[in-house]
């Protein structure tokens, strides 16, 4: 499992901008917010509320798994987008997270074919 490098991360200010000015797409258990930017690479943030998972260990595990999935597929994700993934339900398996994330990315044509 690898961490998401700094150049692929969104700052808290940029996260607020995406929430306010970006577009939204709902999927099964997750919501995707995205906004076009002029950067040479996509940038990401993962948000998991304490309503979704009470224990911080669970939230952090889900966040790490999601960032690992995003980093593995970063070459398949279109350049020039700020992307936020917000979880509405708890996922236990990595494959379930991967399926949900890739589904909403494909739905909005943010993945190269």
PDB file of N, CA and C in Angstrom:
ATOM      1  N   UNK A   1       0.847  -1.169   0.000  1.00  0.00           N
ATOM      2  CA  UNK A   1       0.000   0.000   0.000  1.00  0.00           C
ATOM      3  C   UNK A   1       0.895   1.236   0.000  1.00  0.00           C
ATOM      4  N   UNK A   2       0.663   2.134  -0.933  1.00  0.00           N
ATOM      5  CA  UNK A   2       1.489   3.334  -1.009  1.00  0.00           C
ATOM      6  C   UNK A   2       0.642   4.572  -0.716  1.00  0.00           C
ATOM      7  N   UNK A   3       1.277   5.570  -0.157  1.00  0.00           N
ATOM      8  CA  UNK A   3       0.586   6.821   0.141  1.00  0.00           C
ATOM      9  C   UNK A   3       0.432   7.632  -1.141  1.00  0.00           C
ATOM     10  N   UNK A   4      -0.552   8.481  -1.150  1.00  0.00           N
ATOM     11  CA  UNK A   4      -0.786   9.360  -2.289  1.00  0.00           C
ATOM     12  C   UNK A   4       0.222  10.511  -2.223  1.00  0.00           C
ATOM     13  N   UNK A   5       1.078  10.671  -3.231  1.00  0.00           N
ATOM     14  CA  UNK A   5       2.081  11.738  -3.193  1.00  0.00           C
ATOM     15  C   UNK A   5       1.442  13.124  -3.078  1.00  0.00           C
ATOM     16  N   UNK A   6       2.197  14.052  -2.533  1.00  0.00           N
ATOM     17  CA  UNK A   6       1.694  15.390  -2.232  1.00  0.00           C
ATOM     18  C   UNK A   6       1.106  16.105  -3.456  1.00  0.00           C
ATOM     19  N   UNK A   7       1.702  15.930  -4.618  1.00  0.00           N
ATOM     20  CA  UNK A   7       1.214  16.646  -5.805  1.00  0.00           C
ATOM     21  C   UNK A   7      -0.157  16.154  -6.276  1.00  0.00           C
ATOM     22  N   UNK A   8      -0.630  15.029  -5.734  1.00  0.00           N
ATOM     23  CA  UNK A   8      -1.950  14.498  -6.082  1.00  0.00           C
ATOM     24  C   UNK A   8      -3.004  14.819  -5.019  1.00  0.00           C
ATOM     25  N   UNK A   9      -2.652  15.599  -4.012  1.00  0.00           N
ATOM     26  CA  UNK A   9      -3.580  15.890  -2.915  1.00  0.00           C
ATOM     27  C   UNK A   9      -4.166  17.289  -3.045  1.00  0.00           C
ATOM     28  N   UNK A  10      -5.371  17.448  -2.494  1.00  0.00           N
ATOM     29  CA  UNK A  10      -6.029  18.750  -2.447  1.00  0.00           C
ATOM     30  C   UNK A  10      -5.858  19.356  -1.058  1.00  0.00           C
ATOM     31  N   UNK A  11      -5.661  20.669  -0.995  1.00  0.00           N
ATOM     32  CA  UNK A  11      -5.617  21.359   0.298  1.00  0.00           C
ATOM     33  C   UNK A  11      -7.050  21.564   0.786  1.00  0.00           C
ATOM     34  N   UNK A  12      -7.208  21.941   2.042  1.00  0.00           N
ATOM     35  CA  UNK A  12      -8.554  22.136   2.589  1.00  0.00           C
ATOM     36  C   UNK A  12      -9.277  23.277   1.868  1.00  0.00           C
ATOM     37  N   UNK A  13      -8.555  24.317   1.475  1.00  0.00           N
ATOM     38  CA  UNK A  13      -9.164  25.412   0.721  1.00  0.00           C
ATOM     39  C   UNK A  13      -9.664  24.916  -0.638  1.00  0.00           C
ATOM     40  N   UNK A  14      -8.863  24.107  -1.309  1.00  0.00           N
ATOM     41  CA  UNK A  14      -9.246  23.576  -2.616  1.00  0.00           C
ATOM     42  C   UNK A  14     -10.428  22.618  -2.498  1.00  0.00           C
ATOM     43  N   UNK A  15     -10.498  21.888  -1.398  1.00  0.00           N
ATOM     44  CA  UNK A  15     -11.641  21.000  -1.158  1.00  0.00           C
ATOM     45  C   UNK A  15     -12.918  21.826  -1.061  1.00  0.00           C
ATOM     46  N   UNK A  16     -12.867  22.933  -0.332  1.00  0.00           N
ATOM     47  CA  UNK A  16     -14.043  23.806  -0.212  1.00  0.00           C
ATOM     48  C   UNK A  16     -14.470  24.345  -1.575  1.00  0.00           C
ATOM     49  N   UNK A  17     -13.495  24.731  -2.398  1.00  0.00           N
ATOM     50  CA  UNK A  17     -13.815  25.230  -3.738  1.00  0.00           C
ATOM     51  C   UNK A  17     -14.521  24.171  -4.582  1.00  0.00           C
ATOM     52  N   UNK A  18     -14.059  22.932  -4.500  1.00  0.00           N
ATOM     53  CA  UNK A  18     -14.679  21.858  -5.284  1.00  0.00           C
ATOM     54  C   UNK A  18     -16.105  21.616  -4.794  1.00  0.00           C
ATOM     55  N   UNK A  19     -16.320  21.642  -3.477  1.00  0.00           N
ATOM     56  CA  UNK A  19     -17.670  21.455  -2.947  1.00  0.00           C
ATOM     57  C   UNK A  19     -18.605  22.562  -3.423  1.00  0.00           C
ATOM     58  N   UNK A  20     -18.118  23.796  -3.474  1.00  0.00           N
ATOM     59  CA  UNK A  20     -18.961  24.937  -3.839  1.00  0.00           C
ATOM     60  C   UNK A  20     -19.153  25.050  -5.348  1.00  0.00           C
ATOM     61  N   UNK A  21     -18.069  24.922  -6.119  1.00  0.00           N
ATOM     62  CA  UNK A  21     -18.126  25.194  -7.556  1.00  0.00           C
ATOM     63  C   UNK A  21     -18.126  23.957  -8.443  1.00  0.00           C
ATOM     64  N   UNK A  22     -17.922  22.796  -7.849  1.00  0.00           N
ATOM     65  CA  UNK A  22     -17.803  21.585  -8.654  1.00  0.00           C
ATOM     66  C   UNK A  22     -19.132  20.930  -8.972  1.00  0.00           C
ATOM     67  N   UNK A  23     -19.053  19.870  -9.734  1.00  0.00           N
ATOM     68  CA  UNK A  23     -20.221  19.068 -10.085  1.00  0.00           C
ATOM     69  C   UNK A  23     -20.262  17.847  -9.183  1.00  0.00           C
ATOM     70  N   UNK A  24     -21.438  17.214  -9.113  1.00  0.00           N
ATOM     71  CA  UNK A  24     -21.620  16.091  -8.202  1.00  0.00           C
ATOM     72  C   UNK A  24     -22.234  14.909  -8.933  1.00  0.00           C
ATOM     73  N   UNK A  25     -21.793  13.726  -8.558  1.00  0.00           N
ATOM     74  CA  UNK A  25     -22.354  12.487  -9.096  1.00  0.00           C
ATOM     75  C   UNK A  25     -22.475  11.485  -7.960  1.00  0.00           C
ATOM     76  N   UNK A  26     -23.694  10.969  -7.789  1.00  0.00           N
ATOM     77  CA  UNK A  26     -23.918   9.984  -6.727  1.00  0.00           C
ATOM     78  C   UNK A  26     -23.784   8.580  -7.274  1.00  0.00           C
ATOM     79  N   UNK A  27     -23.170   7.737  -6.468  1.00  0.00           N
ATOM     80  CA  UNK A  27     -23.024   6.331  -6.807  1.00  0.00           C
ATOM     81  C   UNK A  27     -23.573   5.484  -5.681  1.00  0.00           C
ATOM     82  N   UNK A  28     -23.218   4.243  -5.663  1.00  0.00           N
ATOM     83  CA  UNK A  28     -23.678   3.321  -4.636  1.00  0.00           C
ATOM     84  C   UNK A  28     -22.814   3.477  -3.386  1.00  0.00           C
ATOM     85  N   UNK A  29     -23.280   4.272  -2.441  1.00  0.00           N
ATOM     86  CA  UNK A  29     -22.558   4.437  -1.186  1.00  0.00           C
ATOM     87  C   UNK A  29     -21.506   5.522  -1.195  1.00  0.00           C
ATOM     88  N   UNK A  30     -21.260   6.145  -2.351  1.00  0.00           N
ATOM     89  CA  UNK A  30     -20.304   7.251  -2.400  1.00  0.00           C
ATOM     90  C   UNK A  30     -20.832   8.360  -3.302  1.00  0.00           C
ATOM     91  N   UNK A  31     -20.345   9.564  -3.052  1.00  0.00           N
ATOM     92  CA  UNK A  31     -20.648  10.709  -3.904  1.00  0.00           C
ATOM     93  C   UNK A  31     -19.326  11.270  -4.413  1.00  0.00           C
ATOM     94  N   UNK A  32     -19.298  11.579  -5.679  1.00  0.00           N
ATOM     95  CA  UNK A  32     -18.103  12.119  -6.321  1.00  0.00           C
ATOM     96  C   UNK A  32     -18.338  13.597  -6.620  1.00  0.00           C
ATOM     97  N   UNK A  33     -17.443  14.450  -6.149  1.00  0.00           N
ATOM     98  CA  UNK A  33     -17.437  15.862  -6.505  1.00  0.00           C
ATOM     99  C   UNK A  33     -16.211  16.081  -7.375  1.00  0.00           C
ATOM    100  N   UNK A  34     -16.367  16.826  -8.450  1.00  0.00           N
ATOM    101  CA  UNK A  34     -15.220  17.059  -9.320  1.00  0.00           C
ATOM    102  C   UNK A  34     -15.314  18.436  -9.964  1.00  0.00           C
ATOM    103  N   UNK A  35     -14.159  18.973 -10.284  1.00  0.00           N
ATOM    104  CA  UNK A  35     -14.069  20.298 -10.884  1.00  0.00           C
ATOM    105  C   UNK A  35     -12.848  20.324 -11.788  1.00  0.00           C
ATOM    106  N   UNK A  36     -12.998  20.935 -12.932  1.00  0.00           N
ATOM    107  CA  UNK A  36     -11.890  21.076 -13.884  1.00  0.00           C
ATOM    108  C   UNK A  36     -10.852  22.041 -13.305  1.00  0.00           C
ATOM    109  N   UNK A  37      -9.577  21.699 -13.509  1.00  0.00           N
ATOM    110  CA  UNK A  37      -8.493  22.609 -13.139  1.00  0.00           C
ATOM    111  C   UNK A  37      -7.504  22.668 -14.298  1.00  0.00           C
ATOM    112  N   UNK A  38      -6.476  23.437 -14.157  1.00  0.00           N
ATOM    113  CA  UNK A  38      -5.487  23.560 -15.235  1.00  0.00           C
ATOM    114  C   UNK A  38      -4.171  22.904 -14.859  1.00  0.00           C
ATOM    115  N   UNK A  39      -4.230  21.891 -14.049  1.00  0.00           N
ATOM    116  CA  UNK A  39      -3.029  21.200 -13.583  1.00  0.00           C
ATOM    117  C   UNK A  39      -2.708  20.031 -14.513  1.00  0.00           C
ATOM    118  N   UNK A  40      -1.453  19.606 -14.551  1.00  0.00           N
ATOM    119  CA  UNK A  40      -1.066  18.498 -15.436  1.00  0.00           C
ATOM    120  C   UNK A  40      -1.420  17.116 -14.887  1.00  0.00           C
ATOM    121  N   UNK A  41      -2.038  17.066 -13.718  1.00  0.00           N
ATOM    122  CA  UNK A  41      -2.391  15.770 -13.125  1.00  0.00           C
ATOM    123  C   UNK A  41      -3.687  15.914 -12.326  1.00  0.00           C
ATOM    124  N   UNK A  42      -4.396  14.820 -12.119  1.00  0.00           N
ATOM    125  CA  UNK A  42      -5.586  14.886 -11.266  1.00  0.00           C
ATOM    126  C   UNK A  42      -5.169  15.006  -9.801  1.00  0.00           C
ATOM    127  N   UNK A  43      -6.029  15.632  -8.996  1.00  0.00           N
ATOM    128  CA  UNK A  43      -5.764  15.749  -7.561  1.00  0.00           C
ATOM    129  C   UNK A  43      -6.981  15.232  -6.809  1.00  0.00           C
ATOM    130  N   UNK A  44      -6.745  14.661  -5.615  1.00  0.00           N
ATOM    131  CA  UNK A  44      -7.795  13.931  -4.912  1.00  0.00           C
ATOM    132  C   UNK A  44      -7.909  14.330  -3.449  1.00  0.00           C
ATOM    133  N   UNK A  45      -9.109  14.066  -2.906  1.00  0.00           N
ATOM    134  CA  UNK A  45      -9.353  14.117  -1.470  1.00  0.00           C
ATOM    135  C   UNK A  45     -10.409  13.054  -1.179  1.00  0.00           C
ATOM    136  N   UNK A  46     -10.338  12.474   0.006  1.00  0.00           N
ATOM    137  CA  UNK A  46     -11.300  11.460   0.430  1.00  0.00           C
ATOM    138  C   UNK A  46     -11.904  11.938   1.742  1.00  0.00           C
ATOM    139  N   UNK A  47     -13.248  11.967   1.813  1.00  0.00           N
ATOM    140  CA  UNK A  47     -13.952  12.439   3.000  1.00  0.00           C
ATOM    141  C   UNK A  47     -14.824  11.308   3.531  1.00  0.00           C
ATOM    142  N   UNK A  48     -14.636  11.005   4.825  1.00  0.00           N
ATOM    143  CA  UNK A  48     -15.444   9.978   5.477  1.00  0.00           C
ATOM    144  C   UNK A  48     -15.912  10.544   6.808  1.00  0.00           C
ATOM    145  N   UNK A  49     -17.204  10.738   6.946  1.00  0.00           N
ATOM    146  CA  UNK A  49     -17.782  11.308   8.153  1.00  0.00           C
ATOM    147  C   UNK A  49     -17.788  10.291   9.290  1.00  0.00           C
ATOM    148  N   UNK A  50     -17.829  10.799  10.510  1.00  0.00           N
ATOM    149  CA  UNK A  50     -17.935   9.899  11.664  1.00  0.00           C
ATOM    150  C   UNK A  50     -19.317   9.254  11.729  1.00  0.00           C
ATOM    151  N   UNK A  51     -20.273   9.766  10.954  1.00  0.00           N
ATOM    152  CA  UNK A  51     -21.582   9.114  10.864  1.00  0.00           C
ATOM    153  C   UNK A  51     -21.491   7.816  10.077  1.00  0.00           C
ATOM    154  N   UNK A  52     -20.535   7.744   9.171  1.00  0.00           N
ATOM    155  CA  UNK A  52     -20.350   6.548   8.342  1.00  0.00           C
ATOM    156  C   UNK A  52     -19.667   5.453   9.145  1.00  0.00           C
ATOM    157  N   UNK A  53     -18.599   5.808   9.831  1.00  0.00           N
ATOM    158  CA  UNK A  53     -17.851   4.850  10.651  1.00  0.00           C
ATOM    159  C   UNK A  53     -17.460   5.562  11.940  1.00  0.00           C
ATOM    160  N   UNK A  54     -17.912   5.052  13.051  1.00  0.00           N
ATOM    161  CA  UNK A  54     -17.673   5.700  14.339  1.00  0.00           C
ATOM    162  C   UNK A  54     -16.197   5.711  14.720  1.00  0.00           C
ATOM    163  N   UNK A  55     -15.510   4.616  14.461  1.00  0.00           N
ATOM    164  CA  UNK A  55     -14.116   4.503  14.890  1.00  0.00           C
ATOM    165  C   UNK A  55     -13.183   5.129  13.861  1.00  0.00           C
ATOM    166  N   UNK A  56     -12.258   5.935  14.344  1.00  0.00           N
ATOM    167  CA  UNK A  56     -11.311   6.589  13.442  1.00  0.00           C
ATOM    168  C   UNK A  56     -10.411   5.571  12.744  1.00  0.00           C
ATOM    169  N   UNK A  57     -10.161   4.456  13.395  1.00  0.00           N
ATOM    170  CA  UNK A  57      -9.345   3.406  12.775  1.00  0.00           C
ATOM    171  C   UNK A  57     -10.019   2.909  11.498  1.00  0.00           C
ATOM    172  N   UNK A  58     -11.332   2.714  11.560  1.00  0.00           N
ATOM    173  CA  UNK A  58     -12.093   2.250  10.399  1.00  0.00           C
ATOM    174  C   UNK A  58     -12.091   3.305   9.297  1.00  0.00           C
ATOM    175  N   UNK A  59     -12.322   4.567   9.674  1.00  0.00           N
ATOM    176  CA  UNK A  59     -12.326   5.652   8.684  1.00  0.00           C
ATOM    177  C   UNK A  59     -10.967   5.785   8.013  1.00  0.00           C
ATOM    178  N   UNK A  60      -9.909   5.736   8.795  1.00  0.00           N
ATOM    179  CA  UNK A  60      -8.565   5.872   8.233  1.00  0.00           C
ATOM    180  C   UNK A  60      -8.196   4.694   7.346  1.00  0.00           C
ATOM    181  N   UNK A  61      -8.650   3.498   7.705  1.00  0.00           N
ATOM    182  CA  UNK A  61      -8.403   2.321   6.866  1.00  0.00           C
ATOM    183  C   UNK A  61      -9.103   2.481   5.521  1.00  0.00           C
ATOM    184  N   UNK A  62     -10.364   2.917   5.550  1.00  0.00           N
ATOM    185  CA  UNK A  62     -11.101   3.148   4.304  1.00  0.00           C
ATOM    186  C   UNK A  62     -10.417   4.234   3.470  1.00  0.00           C
ATOM    187  N   UNK A  63      -9.960   5.290   4.127  1.00  0.00           N
ATOM    188  CA  UNK A  63      -9.292   6.393   3.432  1.00  0.00           C
ATOM    189  C   UNK A  63      -7.990   5.914   2.781  1.00  0.00           C
ATOM    190  N   UNK A  64      -7.206   5.134   3.504  1.00  0.00           N
ATOM    191  CA  UNK A  64      -5.944   4.616   2.949  1.00  0.00           C
ATOM    192  C   UNK A  64      -6.194   3.689   1.768  1.00  0.00           C
ATOM    193  N   UNK A  65      -7.192   2.814   1.898  1.00  0.00           N
ATOM    194  CA  UNK A  65      -7.515   1.904   0.792  1.00  0.00           C
ATOM    195  C   UNK A  65      -7.955   2.687  -0.440  1.00  0.00           C
ATOM    196  N   UNK A  66      -8.774   3.711  -0.225  1.00  0.00           N
ATOM    197  CA  UNK A  66      -9.270   4.515  -1.343  1.00  0.00           C
ATOM    198  C   UNK A  66      -8.128   5.265  -2.029  1.00  0.00           C
ATOM    199  N   UNK A  67      -7.253   5.864  -1.247  1.00  0.00           N
ATOM    200  CA  UNK A  67      -6.123   6.593  -1.837  1.00  0.00           C
ATOM    201  C   UNK A  67      -5.184   5.652  -2.577  1.00  0.00           C
ATOM    202  N   UNK A  68      -5.023   4.443  -2.064  1.00  0.00           N
ATOM    203  CA  UNK A  68      -4.197   3.452  -2.749  1.00  0.00           C
ATOM    204  C   UNK A  68      -4.817   3.078  -4.097  1.00  0.00           C
ATOM    205  N   UNK A  69      -6.128   2.899  -4.116  1.00  0.00           N
ATOM    206  CA  UNK A  69      -6.836   2.578  -5.364  1.00  0.00           C
ATOM    207  C   UNK A  69      -6.684   3.728  -6.364  1.00  0.00           C
ATOM    208  N   UNK A  70      -6.874   4.955  -5.893  1.00  0.00           N
ATOM    209  CA  UNK A  70      -6.733   6.118  -6.776  1.00  0.00           C
ATOM    210  C   UNK A  70      -5.321   6.217  -7.336  1.00  0.00           C
ATOM    211  N   UNK A  71      -4.317   5.961  -6.503  1.00  0.00           N
ATOM    212  CA  UNK A  71      -2.936   6.043  -6.963  1.00  0.00           C
ATOM    213  C   UNK A  71      -2.628   4.950  -7.987  1.00  0.00           C
ATOM    214  N   UNK A  72      -3.190   3.759  -7.798  1.00  0.00           N
ATOM    215  CA  UNK A  72      -2.961   2.679  -8.759  1.00  0.00           C
ATOM    216  C   UNK A  72      -3.596   2.988 -10.108  1.00  0.00           C
ATOM    217  N   UNK A  73      -4.719   3.711 -10.108  1.00  0.00           N
ATOM    218  CA  UNK A  73      -5.434   4.019 -11.349  1.00  0.00           C
ATOM    219  C   UNK A  73      -5.173   5.445 -11.840  1.00  0.00           C
ATOM    220  N   UNK A  74      -4.208   6.152 -11.253  1.00  0.00           N
ATOM    221  CA  UNK A  74      -3.993   7.558 -11.602  1.00  0.00           C
ATOM    222  C   UNK A  74      -3.652   7.740 -13.082  1.00  0.00           C
ATOM    223  N   UNK A  75      -3.000   6.778 -13.684  1.00  0.00           N
ATOM    224  CA  UNK A  75      -2.680   6.899 -15.113  1.00  0.00           C
ATOM    225  C   UNK A  75      -3.922   6.734 -15.988  1.00  0.00           C
ATOM    226  N   UNK A  76      -4.989   6.138 -15.443  1.00  0.00           N
ATOM    227  CA  UNK A  76      -6.237   5.946 -16.187  1.00  0.00           C
ATOM    228  C   UNK A  76      -7.226   7.085 -15.972  1.00  0.00           C
ATOM    229  N   UNK A  77      -6.953   7.949 -15.007  1.00  0.00           N
ATOM    230  CA  UNK A  77      -7.865   9.047 -14.689  1.00  0.00           C
ATOM    231  C   UNK A  77      -7.456  10.272 -15.502  1.00  0.00           C
ATOM    232  N   UNK A  78      -8.442  10.942 -16.082  1.00  0.00           N
ATOM    233  CA  UNK A  78      -8.166  12.098 -16.938  1.00  0.00           C
ATOM    234  C   UNK A  78      -7.448  13.194 -16.162  1.00  0.00           C
ATOM    235  N   UNK A  79      -6.515  13.833 -16.840  1.00  0.00           N
ATOM    236  CA  UNK A  79      -5.719  14.900 -16.233  1.00  0.00           C
ATOM    237  C   UNK A  79      -6.556  16.169 -16.119  1.00  0.00           C
ATOM    238  N   UNK A  80      -6.185  17.013 -15.167  1.00  0.00           N
ATOM    239  CA  UNK A  80      -6.821  18.322 -15.066  1.00  0.00           C
ATOM    240  C   UNK A  80      -8.126  18.350 -14.306  1.00  0.00           C
ATOM    241  N   UNK A  81      -8.305  17.461 -13.333  1.00  0.00           N
ATOM    242  CA  UNK A  81      -9.517  17.458 -12.518  1.00  0.00           C
ATOM    243  C   UNK A  81      -9.157  17.388 -11.046  1.00  0.00           C
ATOM    244  N   UNK A  82      -9.919  18.117 -10.227  1.00  0.00           N
ATOM    245  CA  UNK A  82      -9.875  17.961  -8.779  1.00  0.00           C
ATOM    246  C   UNK A  82     -11.045  17.058  -8.424  1.00  0.00           C
ATOM    247  N   UNK A  83     -10.778  15.988  -7.698  1.00  0.00           N
ATOM    248  CA  UNK A  83     -11.788  14.968  -7.420  1.00  0.00           C
ATOM    249  C   UNK A  83     -11.868  14.727  -5.919  1.00  0.00           C
ATOM    250  N   UNK A  84     -13.100  14.755  -5.393  1.00  0.00           N
ATOM    251  CA  UNK A  84     -13.338  14.438  -3.984  1.00  0.00           C
ATOM    252  C   UNK A  84     -14.295  13.263  -3.931  1.00  0.00           C
ATOM    253  N   UNK A  85     -13.955  12.275  -3.124  1.00  0.00           N
ATOM    254  CA  UNK A  85     -14.818  11.118  -2.927  1.00  0.00           C
ATOM    255  C   UNK A  85     -15.340  11.173  -1.500  1.00  0.00           C
ATOM    256  N   UNK A  86     -16.672  11.230  -1.368  1.00  0.00           N
ATOM    257  CA  UNK A  86     -17.324  11.298  -0.063  1.00  0.00           C
ATOM    258  C   UNK A  86     -18.094   9.998   0.143  1.00  0.00           C
ATOM    259  N   UNK A  87     -17.823   9.329   1.249  1.00  0.00           N
ATOM    260  CA  UNK A  87     -18.486   8.059   1.545  1.00  0.00           C
ATOM    261  C   UNK A  87     -19.781   8.297   2.312  1.00  0.00           C
ATOM    262  N   UNK A  88     -20.858   7.595   1.902  1.00  0.00           N
ATOM    263  CA  UNK A  88     -22.120   7.631   2.613  1.00  0.00           C
ATOM    264  C   UNK A  88     -22.375   6.350   3.397  1.00  0.00           C
ATOM    265  N   UNK A  89     -21.631   5.315   3.082  1.00  0.00           N
ATOM    266  CA  UNK A  89     -21.774   4.064   3.824  1.00  0.00           C
ATOM    267  C   UNK A  89     -20.404   3.430   3.994  1.00  0.00           C
ATOM    268  N   UNK A  90     -20.342   2.512   4.920  1.00  0.00           N
ATOM    269  CA  UNK A  90     -19.075   1.860   5.232  1.00  0.00           C
ATOM    270  C   UNK A  90     -18.841   0.676   4.305  1.00  0.00           C
ATOM    271  N   UNK A  91     -17.645   0.586   3.791  1.00  0.00           N
ATOM    272  CA  UNK A  91     -17.224  -0.545   2.972  1.00  0.00           C
ATOM    273  C   UNK A  91     -16.156  -1.303   3.742  1.00  0.00           C
ATOM    274  N   UNK A  92     -16.257  -2.602   3.762  1.00  0.00           N
ATOM    275  CA  UNK A  92     -15.274  -3.401   4.494  1.00  0.00           C
ATOM    276  C   UNK A  92     -14.174  -3.929   3.577  1.00  0.00           C
ATOM    277  N   UNK A  93     -14.531  -4.293   2.355  1.00  0.00           N
ATOM    278  CA  UNK A  93     -13.568  -4.924   1.454  1.00  0.00           C
ATOM    279  C   UNK A  93     -13.006  -3.911   0.458  1.00  0.00           C
ATOM    280  N   UNK A  94     -11.734  -4.069   0.161  1.00  0.00           N
ATOM    281  CA  UNK A  94     -11.053  -3.212  -0.812  1.00  0.00           C
ATOM    282  C   UNK A  94     -11.736  -3.296  -2.177  1.00  0.00           C
ATOM    283  N   UNK A  95     -12.152  -4.490  -2.570  1.00  0.00           N
ATOM    284  CA  UNK A  95     -12.777  -4.672  -3.884  1.00  0.00           C
ATOM    285  C   UNK A  95     -14.086  -3.893  -3.980  1.00  0.00           C
ATOM    286  N   UNK A  96     -14.855  -3.833  -2.887  1.00  0.00           N
ATOM    287  CA  UNK A  96     -16.104  -3.066  -2.888  1.00  0.00           C
ATOM    288  C   UNK A  96     -15.827  -1.570  -3.067  1.00  0.00           C
ATOM    289  N   UNK A  97     -14.787  -1.078  -2.391  1.00  0.00           N
ATOM    290  CA  UNK A  97     -14.408   0.332  -2.538  1.00  0.00           C
ATOM    291  C   UNK A  97     -13.974   0.602  -3.975  1.00  0.00           C
ATOM    292  N   UNK A  98     -13.141  -0.286  -4.504  1.00  0.00           N
ATOM    293  CA  UNK A  98     -12.640  -0.117  -5.870  1.00  0.00           C
ATOM    294  C   UNK A  98     -13.781  -0.098  -6.876  1.00  0.00           C
ATOM    295  N   UNK A  99     -14.721  -1.024  -6.741  1.00  0.00           N
ATOM    296  CA  UNK A  99     -15.858  -1.080  -7.664  1.00  0.00           C
ATOM    297  C   UNK A  99     -16.680   0.207  -7.608  1.00  0.00           C
ATOM    298  N   UNK A 100     -16.956   0.703  -6.394  1.00  0.00           N
ATOM    299  CA  UNK A 100     -17.768   1.907  -6.235  1.00  0.00           C
ATOM    300  C   UNK A 100     -17.060   3.139  -6.800  1.00  0.00           C
ATOM    301  N   UNK A 101     -15.769   3.264  -6.518  1.00  0.00           N
ATOM    302  CA  UNK A 101     -15.005   4.424  -6.997  1.00  0.00           C
ATOM    303  C   UNK A 101     -14.905   4.409  -8.520  1.00  0.00           C
ATOM    304  N   UNK A 102     -14.544   3.279  -9.085  1.00  0.00           N
ATOM    305  CA  UNK A 102     -14.403   3.198 -10.542  1.00  0.00           C
ATOM    306  C   UNK A 102     -15.744   3.392 -11.242  1.00  0.00           C
ATOM    307  N   UNK A 103     -16.829   2.941 -10.623  1.00  0.00           N
ATOM    308  CA  UNK A 103     -18.161   3.111 -11.208  1.00  0.00           C
ATOM    309  C   UNK A 103     -18.494   4.596 -11.385  1.00  0.00           C
ATOM    310  N   UNK A 104     -18.308   5.408 -10.321  1.00  0.00           N
ATOM    311  CA  UNK A 104     -18.666   6.827 -10.447  1.00  0.00           C
ATOM    312  C   UNK A 104     -17.688   7.576 -11.355  1.00  0.00           C
ATOM    313  N   UNK A 105     -16.427   7.166 -11.372  1.00  0.00           N
ATOM    314  CA  UNK A 105     -15.474   7.802 -12.289  1.00  0.00           C
ATOM    315  C   UNK A 105     -15.840   7.509 -13.744  1.00  0.00           C
ATOM    316  N   UNK A 106     -16.232   6.265 -14.029  1.00  0.00           N
ATOM    317  CA  UNK A 106     -16.649   5.907 -15.393  1.00  0.00           C
ATOM    318  C   UNK A 106     -17.938   6.613 -15.772  1.00  0.00           C
ATOM    319  N   UNK A 107     -18.856   6.727 -14.811  1.00  0.00           N
ATOM    320  CA  UNK A 107     -20.154   7.346 -15.059  1.00  0.00           C
ATOM    321  C   UNK A 107     -19.990   8.803 -15.519  1.00  0.00           C
ATOM    322  N   UNK A 108     -18.992   9.489 -15.009  1.00  0.00           N
ATOM    323  CA  UNK A 108     -18.737  10.880 -15.390  1.00  0.00           C
ATOM    324  C   UNK A 108     -17.640  11.021 -16.443  1.00  0.00           C
ATOM    325  N   UNK A 109     -17.244   9.914 -17.043  1.00  0.00           N
ATOM    326  CA  UNK A 109     -16.217   9.895 -18.096  1.00  0.00           C
ATOM    327  C   UNK A 109     -14.901  10.517 -17.631  1.00  0.00           C
ATOM    328  N   UNK A 110     -14.526  10.240 -16.392  1.00  0.00           N
ATOM    329  CA  UNK A 110     -13.261  10.734 -15.864  1.00  0.00           C
ATOM    330  C   UNK A 110     -12.146   9.706 -16.009  1.00  0.00           C
ATOM    331  N   UNK A 111     -12.468   8.555 -16.595  1.00  0.00           N
ATOM    332  CA  UNK A 111     -11.466   7.517 -16.851  1.00  0.00           C
ATOM    333  C   UNK A 111     -11.204   7.421 -18.344  1.00  0.00           C
ATOM    334  N   UNK A 112      -9.941   7.220 -18.702  1.00  0.00           N
ATOM    335  CA  UNK A 112      -9.623   6.911 -20.094  1.00  0.00           C
ATOM    336  C   UNK A 112     -10.096   5.494 -20.372  1.00  0.00           C
ATOM    337  N   UNK A 113     -10.564   5.261 -21.572  1.00  0.00           N
ATOM    338  CA  UNK A 113     -11.044   3.919 -21.929  1.00  0.00           C
ATOM    339  C   UNK A 113      -9.918   3.006 -22.280  1.00  0.00           C
TER     340      UNK A 113
END
